[in-house]
Amino acid sequence: MGRGPVARKRILIATKEESLRAFDAAICEAHGFQTLHAPWGDEALEVFRRNRPIALVVTDLLYDWSDWRRAMSGDGQTIEDGIQLAAALRKLSRRQKVLIHTYAPAEQVRAHLQKGLAGVVILQKPFRPEELAEYLTQV
């Protein structure tokens, strides 16, 4: 008796920029992943809950164009940026892999990550497809 189809690992892409979601998805799908999409953090969290396990969540640091340092001090009622999304995901799954891309200086963003967000990958924009693809080999 034959086996059923092999389930592909899923990647959740959460960014309001449709073109960036499509760019990320093309890279991920070319490497054999199934992609799920969400434009905002709250929706991404719901998609994550409904579709676990998720191999990787790829998100933007900011969901609007405000200063990234101010965005990090949100009230927690609504997920307003990629770091808040990463924190919410880690409450559900302590080892969840998260990649955040940003135009902000990567080292400064890393310095703001709390202990519970150790291992979150920061990918500096603009990035080449090969840079995301290289990280996918580790997923």
N, C-alpha and C. Protein backbone atom coordinates (compact mmCIF):
# COMPACT_ATOMS: atom_id res chain seq x y z
N MET A 1 0.84 -1.17 0.00
CA MET A 1 0.00 0.00 0.00
C MET A 1 0.89 1.24 0.00
N GLY A 2 0.60 2.23 -0.85
CA GLY A 2 1.43 3.43 -0.98
C GLY A 2 1.16 4.43 0.13
N ARG A 3 2.10 5.28 0.33
CA ARG A 3 1.96 6.35 1.31
C ARG A 3 1.21 7.51 0.68
N GLY A 4 0.57 8.31 1.53
CA GLY A 4 -0.11 9.51 1.06
C GLY A 4 0.90 10.58 0.70
N PRO A 5 0.44 11.71 0.21
CA PRO A 5 1.37 12.79 -0.14
C PRO A 5 2.12 13.28 1.09
N VAL A 6 3.36 13.64 0.88
CA VAL A 6 4.19 14.14 1.95
C VAL A 6 3.80 15.59 2.25
N ALA A 7 3.55 15.88 3.51
CA ALA A 7 3.18 17.25 3.90
C ALA A 7 4.42 18.13 3.82
N ARG A 8 4.26 19.28 3.20
CA ARG A 8 5.37 20.23 3.12
C ARG A 8 5.37 21.09 4.37
N LYS A 9 6.56 21.48 4.78
CA LYS A 9 6.67 22.40 5.91
C LYS A 9 6.07 23.73 5.52
N ARG A 10 5.44 24.37 6.51
CA ARG A 10 4.76 25.65 6.26
C ARG A 10 5.56 26.82 6.81
N ILE A 11 5.51 27.91 6.05
CA ILE A 11 6.10 29.17 6.47
C ILE A 11 5.00 30.20 6.43
N LEU A 12 4.89 30.95 7.51
CA LEU A 12 3.92 32.05 7.61
C LEU A 12 4.65 33.35 7.30
N ILE A 13 4.13 34.09 6.33
CA ILE A 13 4.72 35.37 5.95
C ILE A 13 3.75 36.47 6.37
N ALA A 14 4.22 37.35 7.25
CA ALA A 14 3.36 38.39 7.81
C ALA A 14 3.98 39.76 7.55
N THR A 15 3.45 40.44 6.56
CA THR A 15 3.84 41.81 6.26
C THR A 15 2.72 42.46 5.47
N LYS A 16 2.50 43.74 5.71
CA LYS A 16 1.41 44.43 5.01
C LYS A 16 1.73 44.67 3.55
N GLU A 17 3.01 44.64 3.20
CA GLU A 17 3.42 44.90 1.82
C GLU A 17 3.18 43.66 0.96
N GLU A 18 2.18 43.75 0.09
CA GLU A 18 1.82 42.60 -0.74
C GLU A 18 2.98 42.16 -1.62
N SER A 19 3.72 43.11 -2.17
CA SER A 19 4.85 42.75 -3.04
C SER A 19 5.94 42.04 -2.26
N LEU A 20 6.18 42.43 -1.02
CA LEU A 20 7.17 41.76 -0.19
C LEU A 20 6.70 40.36 0.19
N ARG A 21 5.40 40.21 0.48
CA ARG A 21 4.86 38.86 0.76
C ARG A 21 5.08 37.96 -0.45
N ALA A 22 4.82 38.49 -1.64
CA ALA A 22 4.98 37.70 -2.86
C ALA A 22 6.46 37.34 -3.09
N PHE A 23 7.36 38.30 -2.84
CA PHE A 23 8.79 38.07 -2.98
C PHE A 23 9.25 36.97 -2.03
N ASP A 24 8.89 37.10 -0.75
CA ASP A 24 9.25 36.08 0.25
C ASP A 24 8.66 34.72 -0.12
N ALA A 25 7.39 34.73 -0.52
CA ALA A 25 6.72 33.48 -0.86
C ALA A 25 7.39 32.77 -2.03
N ALA A 26 7.77 33.53 -3.05
CA ALA A 26 8.42 32.92 -4.22
C ALA A 26 9.71 32.21 -3.80
N ILE A 27 10.47 32.83 -2.94
CA ILE A 27 11.73 32.23 -2.47
C ILE A 27 11.43 30.97 -1.65
N CYS A 28 10.49 31.08 -0.73
CA CYS A 28 10.16 29.95 0.14
C CYS A 28 9.58 28.78 -0.65
N GLU A 29 8.67 29.08 -1.57
CA GLU A 29 8.04 28.02 -2.36
C GLU A 29 9.05 27.36 -3.29
N ALA A 30 10.01 28.13 -3.81
CA ALA A 30 11.06 27.56 -4.66
C ALA A 30 11.93 26.57 -3.88
N HIS A 31 11.92 26.70 -2.57
CA HIS A 31 12.69 25.79 -1.72
C HIS A 31 11.81 24.72 -1.07
N GLY A 32 10.61 24.53 -1.62
CA GLY A 32 9.76 23.42 -1.21
C GLY A 32 8.81 23.66 -0.06
N PHE A 33 8.69 24.90 0.40
CA PHE A 33 7.81 25.20 1.52
C PHE A 33 6.42 25.63 1.02
N GLN A 34 5.43 25.33 1.81
CA GLN A 34 4.09 25.87 1.60
C GLN A 34 4.03 27.20 2.34
N THR A 35 3.43 28.22 1.75
CA THR A 35 3.38 29.51 2.43
C THR A 35 1.95 29.88 2.81
N LEU A 36 1.84 30.49 3.96
CA LEU A 36 0.60 31.07 4.46
C LEU A 36 0.86 32.56 4.60
N HIS A 37 -0.18 33.37 4.45
CA HIS A 37 0.02 34.82 4.41
C HIS A 37 -0.89 35.55 5.39
N ALA A 38 -0.38 36.65 5.93
CA ALA A 38 -1.17 37.55 6.78
C ALA A 38 -0.57 38.95 6.66
N PRO A 39 -1.43 39.96 6.52
CA PRO A 39 -0.89 41.32 6.38
C PRO A 39 -0.55 41.99 7.71
N TRP A 40 -1.10 41.53 8.82
CA TRP A 40 -0.93 42.20 10.12
C TRP A 40 -0.63 41.18 11.19
N GLY A 41 -0.08 41.65 12.29
CA GLY A 41 0.33 40.78 13.38
C GLY A 41 -0.79 39.99 14.03
N ASP A 42 -1.93 40.64 14.29
CA ASP A 42 -3.04 39.92 14.94
C ASP A 42 -3.54 38.79 14.04
N GLU A 43 -3.67 39.09 12.75
CA GLU A 43 -4.11 38.06 11.81
C GLU A 43 -3.06 36.95 11.71
N ALA A 44 -1.79 37.32 11.72
CA ALA A 44 -0.71 36.33 11.66
C ALA A 44 -0.78 35.38 12.86
N LEU A 45 -1.05 35.92 14.03
CA LEU A 45 -1.15 35.09 15.22
C LEU A 45 -2.31 34.10 15.09
N GLU A 46 -3.41 34.55 14.55
CA GLU A 46 -4.56 33.65 14.34
C GLU A 46 -4.24 32.58 13.31
N VAL A 47 -3.60 32.94 12.21
CA VAL A 47 -3.20 31.96 11.19
C VAL A 47 -2.24 30.95 11.81
N PHE A 48 -1.33 31.42 12.63
CA PHE A 48 -0.39 30.53 13.32
C PHE A 48 -1.14 29.53 14.20
N ARG A 49 -2.07 30.03 14.99
CA ARG A 49 -2.82 29.14 15.89
C ARG A 49 -3.58 28.06 15.12
N ARG A 50 -4.18 28.43 13.99
CA ARG A 50 -4.99 27.50 13.22
C ARG A 50 -4.17 26.51 12.40
N ASN A 51 -2.91 26.80 12.13
CA ASN A 51 -2.13 26.01 11.17
C ASN A 51 -0.85 25.41 11.73
N ARG A 52 -0.73 25.35 13.05
CA ARG A 52 0.48 24.78 13.62
C ARG A 52 0.62 23.32 13.22
N PRO A 53 1.82 22.83 13.03
CA PRO A 53 3.09 23.51 13.24
C PRO A 53 3.49 24.37 12.04
N ILE A 54 4.18 25.44 12.33
CA ILE A 54 4.73 26.35 11.33
C ILE A 54 6.25 26.29 11.49
N ALA A 55 6.95 25.97 10.42
CA ALA A 55 8.41 25.84 10.49
C ALA A 55 9.10 27.17 10.75
N LEU A 56 8.55 28.25 10.16
CA LEU A 56 9.19 29.56 10.26
C LEU A 56 8.13 30.63 10.07
N VAL A 57 8.26 31.72 10.82
CA VAL A 57 7.45 32.91 10.61
C VAL A 57 8.39 34.00 10.12
N VAL A 58 8.07 34.56 8.95
CA VAL A 58 8.84 35.65 8.36
C VAL A 58 7.98 36.90 8.47
N THR A 59 8.51 37.95 9.06
CA THR A 59 7.71 39.16 9.26
C THR A 59 8.58 40.40 9.10
N ASP A 60 7.91 41.52 8.98
CA ASP A 60 8.58 42.82 8.95
C ASP A 60 8.72 43.33 10.38
N LEU A 61 9.72 44.14 10.62
CA LEU A 61 9.83 44.78 11.92
C LEU A 61 8.65 45.71 12.14
N LEU A 62 8.36 46.55 11.14
CA LEU A 62 7.28 47.53 11.28
C LEU A 62 6.12 47.20 10.35
N TYR A 63 4.91 47.45 10.85
CA TYR A 63 3.73 47.30 10.02
C TYR A 63 3.22 48.66 9.57
N ASP A 64 3.86 49.72 10.03
CA ASP A 64 3.59 51.07 9.53
C ASP A 64 4.95 51.75 9.42
N TRP A 65 4.97 53.00 9.04
CA TRP A 65 6.24 53.65 8.76
C TRP A 65 6.74 54.51 9.92
N SER A 66 6.29 54.27 11.12
CA SER A 66 6.75 55.06 12.27
C SER A 66 8.18 54.67 12.64
N ASP A 67 8.75 55.44 13.49
CA ASP A 67 10.10 55.16 13.99
C ASP A 67 10.08 53.82 14.72
N TRP A 68 10.97 52.92 14.37
CA TRP A 68 10.95 51.57 14.93
C TRP A 68 11.15 51.57 16.44
N ARG A 69 11.88 52.54 16.99
CA ARG A 69 12.08 52.55 18.45
C ARG A 69 10.77 52.85 19.18
N ARG A 70 9.93 53.73 18.60
CA ARG A 70 8.63 54.02 19.22
C ARG A 70 7.67 52.84 19.06
N ALA A 71 7.77 52.15 17.93
CA ALA A 71 6.87 51.01 17.69
C ALA A 71 7.06 49.91 18.71
N MET A 72 8.24 49.80 19.29
CA MET A 72 8.52 48.73 20.24
C MET A 72 7.87 48.96 21.59
N SER A 73 7.30 50.11 21.82
CA SER A 73 6.68 50.38 23.12
C SER A 73 5.16 50.32 23.03
N GLY A 74 4.62 49.44 22.17
CA GLY A 74 3.18 49.29 22.04
C GLY A 74 2.54 48.81 23.33
N ASP A 75 1.22 48.90 23.39
CA ASP A 75 0.50 48.57 24.62
C ASP A 75 0.21 47.08 24.78
N GLY A 76 0.54 46.26 23.79
CA GLY A 76 0.34 44.83 23.90
C GLY A 76 -1.08 44.38 23.60
N GLN A 77 -2.01 45.32 23.45
CA GLN A 77 -3.39 44.94 23.14
C GLN A 77 -3.51 44.48 21.70
N THR A 78 -2.74 45.08 20.84
CA THR A 78 -2.72 44.72 19.43
C THR A 78 -1.27 44.57 19.02
N ILE A 79 -1.00 43.58 18.20
CA ILE A 79 0.37 43.37 17.74
C ILE A 79 0.66 44.44 16.70
N GLU A 80 1.61 45.31 17.03
CA GLU A 80 1.89 46.47 16.19
C GLU A 80 3.18 46.36 15.41
N ASP A 81 4.00 45.35 15.68
CA ASP A 81 5.26 45.23 14.97
C ASP A 81 5.77 43.79 15.06
N GLY A 82 6.82 43.51 14.31
CA GLY A 82 7.35 42.15 14.24
C GLY A 82 7.91 41.62 15.55
N ILE A 83 8.44 42.50 16.40
CA ILE A 83 8.96 42.03 17.68
C ILE A 83 7.82 41.62 18.61
N GLN A 84 6.73 42.38 18.61
CA GLN A 84 5.57 41.97 19.40
C GLN A 84 5.00 40.66 18.88
N LEU A 85 4.99 40.48 17.56
CA LEU A 85 4.52 39.20 17.00
C LEU A 85 5.43 38.07 17.46
N ALA A 86 6.74 38.27 17.38
CA ALA A 86 7.68 37.23 17.82
C ALA A 86 7.47 36.87 19.28
N ALA A 87 7.25 37.87 20.12
CA ALA A 87 7.01 37.62 21.55
C ALA A 87 5.73 36.82 21.75
N ALA A 88 4.67 37.17 21.03
CA ALA A 88 3.39 36.45 21.15
C ALA A 88 3.54 35.01 20.66
N LEU A 89 4.29 34.81 19.59
CA LEU A 89 4.52 33.45 19.07
C LEU A 89 5.30 32.61 20.07
N ARG A 90 6.31 33.22 20.68
CA ARG A 90 7.13 32.48 21.64
C ARG A 90 6.35 32.11 22.90
N LYS A 91 5.29 32.84 23.21
CA LYS A 91 4.43 32.44 24.33
C LYS A 91 3.66 31.17 23.99
N LEU A 92 3.35 30.99 22.71
CA LEU A 92 2.63 29.80 22.25
C LEU A 92 3.57 28.63 21.99
N SER A 93 4.77 28.94 21.53
CA SER A 93 5.75 27.92 21.17
C SER A 93 7.15 28.48 21.43
N ARG A 94 7.76 28.07 22.53
CA ARG A 94 9.02 28.67 22.99
C ARG A 94 10.14 28.61 21.97
N ARG A 95 10.11 27.64 21.09
CA ARG A 95 11.21 27.47 20.13
C ARG A 95 10.84 27.89 18.72
N GLN A 96 9.74 28.60 18.58
CA GLN A 96 9.30 28.99 17.24
C GLN A 96 10.38 29.81 16.53
N LYS A 97 10.71 29.40 15.30
CA LYS A 97 11.68 30.14 14.51
C LYS A 97 11.01 31.35 13.89
N VAL A 98 11.66 32.50 14.04
CA VAL A 98 11.13 33.77 13.52
C VAL A 98 12.26 34.51 12.82
N LEU A 99 11.95 35.05 11.65
CA LEU A 99 12.88 35.90 10.91
C LEU A 99 12.20 37.24 10.71
N ILE A 100 12.86 38.31 11.12
CA ILE A 100 12.32 39.66 10.96
C ILE A 100 13.19 40.41 9.97
N HIS A 101 12.57 40.95 8.90
CA HIS A 101 13.37 41.80 8.02
C HIS A 101 13.02 43.25 8.25
N THR A 102 14.06 44.10 8.06
CA THR A 102 13.91 45.50 8.41
C THR A 102 14.94 46.38 7.70
N TYR A 103 14.58 47.64 7.52
CA TYR A 103 15.55 48.64 7.06
C TYR A 103 16.32 49.24 8.24
N ALA A 104 15.81 49.07 9.44
CA ALA A 104 16.49 49.59 10.63
C ALA A 104 17.82 48.87 10.78
N PRO A 105 18.79 49.50 11.42
CA PRO A 105 20.10 48.85 11.63
C PRO A 105 19.94 47.54 12.41
N ALA A 106 20.35 46.45 11.79
CA ALA A 106 20.13 45.12 12.38
C ALA A 106 20.73 45.00 13.77
N GLU A 107 21.92 45.51 13.99
CA GLU A 107 22.56 45.39 15.30
C GLU A 107 21.78 46.14 16.38
N GLN A 108 21.22 47.29 16.02
CA GLN A 108 20.43 48.04 17.00
C GLN A 108 19.15 47.29 17.34
N VAL A 109 18.53 46.67 16.34
CA VAL A 109 17.31 45.89 16.60
C VAL A 109 17.66 44.70 17.49
N ARG A 110 18.73 43.99 17.18
CA ARG A 110 19.15 42.84 18.00
C ARG A 110 19.37 43.26 19.46
N ALA A 111 19.91 44.45 19.66
CA ALA A 111 20.17 44.93 21.01
C ALA A 111 18.88 45.13 21.80
N HIS A 112 17.76 45.33 21.12
CA HIS A 112 16.47 45.53 21.79
C HIS A 112 15.71 44.22 22.04
N LEU A 113 16.18 43.13 21.47
CA LEU A 113 15.49 41.86 21.67
C LEU A 113 15.67 41.40 23.11
N GLN A 114 14.58 40.96 23.70
CA GLN A 114 14.64 40.47 25.07
C GLN A 114 15.09 39.02 25.11
N LYS A 115 15.40 38.55 26.28
CA LYS A 115 15.92 37.19 26.45
C LYS A 115 15.00 36.14 25.81
N GLY A 116 13.70 36.31 25.95
CA GLY A 116 12.76 35.34 25.38
C GLY A 116 12.75 35.31 23.87
N LEU A 117 13.46 36.26 23.24
CA LEU A 117 13.49 36.32 21.79
C LEU A 117 14.86 35.94 21.23
N ALA A 118 15.65 35.28 22.06
CA ALA A 118 16.95 34.81 21.59
C ALA A 118 16.74 33.91 20.37
N GLY A 119 17.59 34.07 19.40
CA GLY A 119 17.51 33.24 18.21
C GLY A 119 16.64 33.82 17.10
N VAL A 120 15.93 34.92 17.37
CA VAL A 120 15.18 35.56 16.30
C VAL A 120 16.21 36.11 15.31
N VAL A 121 16.03 35.81 14.04
CA VAL A 121 16.97 36.24 13.01
C VAL A 121 16.53 37.59 12.47
N ILE A 122 17.48 38.52 12.35
CA ILE A 122 17.21 39.83 11.77
C ILE A 122 17.89 39.86 10.41
N LEU A 123 17.10 40.09 9.37
CA LEU A 123 17.61 40.16 8.00
C LEU A 123 17.49 41.60 7.51
N GLN A 124 18.62 42.20 7.21
CA GLN A 124 18.69 43.61 6.81
C GLN A 124 18.18 43.78 5.38
N LYS A 125 17.24 44.73 5.20
CA LYS A 125 16.78 45.10 3.86
C LYS A 125 17.70 46.16 3.29
N PRO A 126 17.85 46.27 2.03
CA PRO A 126 17.37 45.30 1.04
C PRO A 126 18.25 44.05 1.09
N PHE A 127 17.62 42.91 0.88
CA PHE A 127 18.38 41.67 0.89
C PHE A 127 18.20 40.95 -0.44
N ARG A 128 19.16 40.12 -0.75
CA ARG A 128 19.10 39.33 -1.99
C ARG A 128 18.34 38.04 -1.70
N PRO A 129 17.68 37.49 -2.70
CA PRO A 129 16.96 36.22 -2.49
C PRO A 129 17.85 35.13 -1.89
N GLU A 130 19.11 35.13 -2.24
CA GLU A 130 20.03 34.11 -1.74
C GLU A 130 20.20 34.19 -0.22
N GLU A 131 20.07 35.39 0.34
CA GLU A 131 20.24 35.54 1.78
C GLU A 131 19.09 34.86 2.54
N LEU A 132 17.86 35.04 2.07
CA LEU A 132 16.73 34.35 2.68
C LEU A 132 16.83 32.85 2.40
N ALA A 133 17.19 32.49 1.19
CA ALA A 133 17.30 31.08 0.82
C ALA A 133 18.33 30.36 1.68
N GLU A 134 19.43 31.04 1.99
CA GLU A 134 20.47 30.44 2.84
C GLU A 134 19.90 30.10 4.21
N TYR A 135 19.10 30.99 4.78
CA TYR A 135 18.51 30.70 6.09
C TYR A 135 17.50 29.54 5.98
N LEU A 136 16.78 29.46 4.88
CA LEU A 136 15.79 28.38 4.71
C LEU A 136 16.42 27.00 4.80
N THR A 137 17.68 26.88 4.42
CA THR A 137 18.34 25.57 4.49
C THR A 137 18.49 25.11 5.94
N GLN A 138 18.41 26.05 6.89
CA GLN A 138 18.52 25.70 8.31
C GLN A 138 17.17 25.36 8.93
N VAL A 139 16.10 25.63 8.20
CA VAL A 139 14.75 25.38 8.73
C VAL A 139 14.47 23.95 8.49
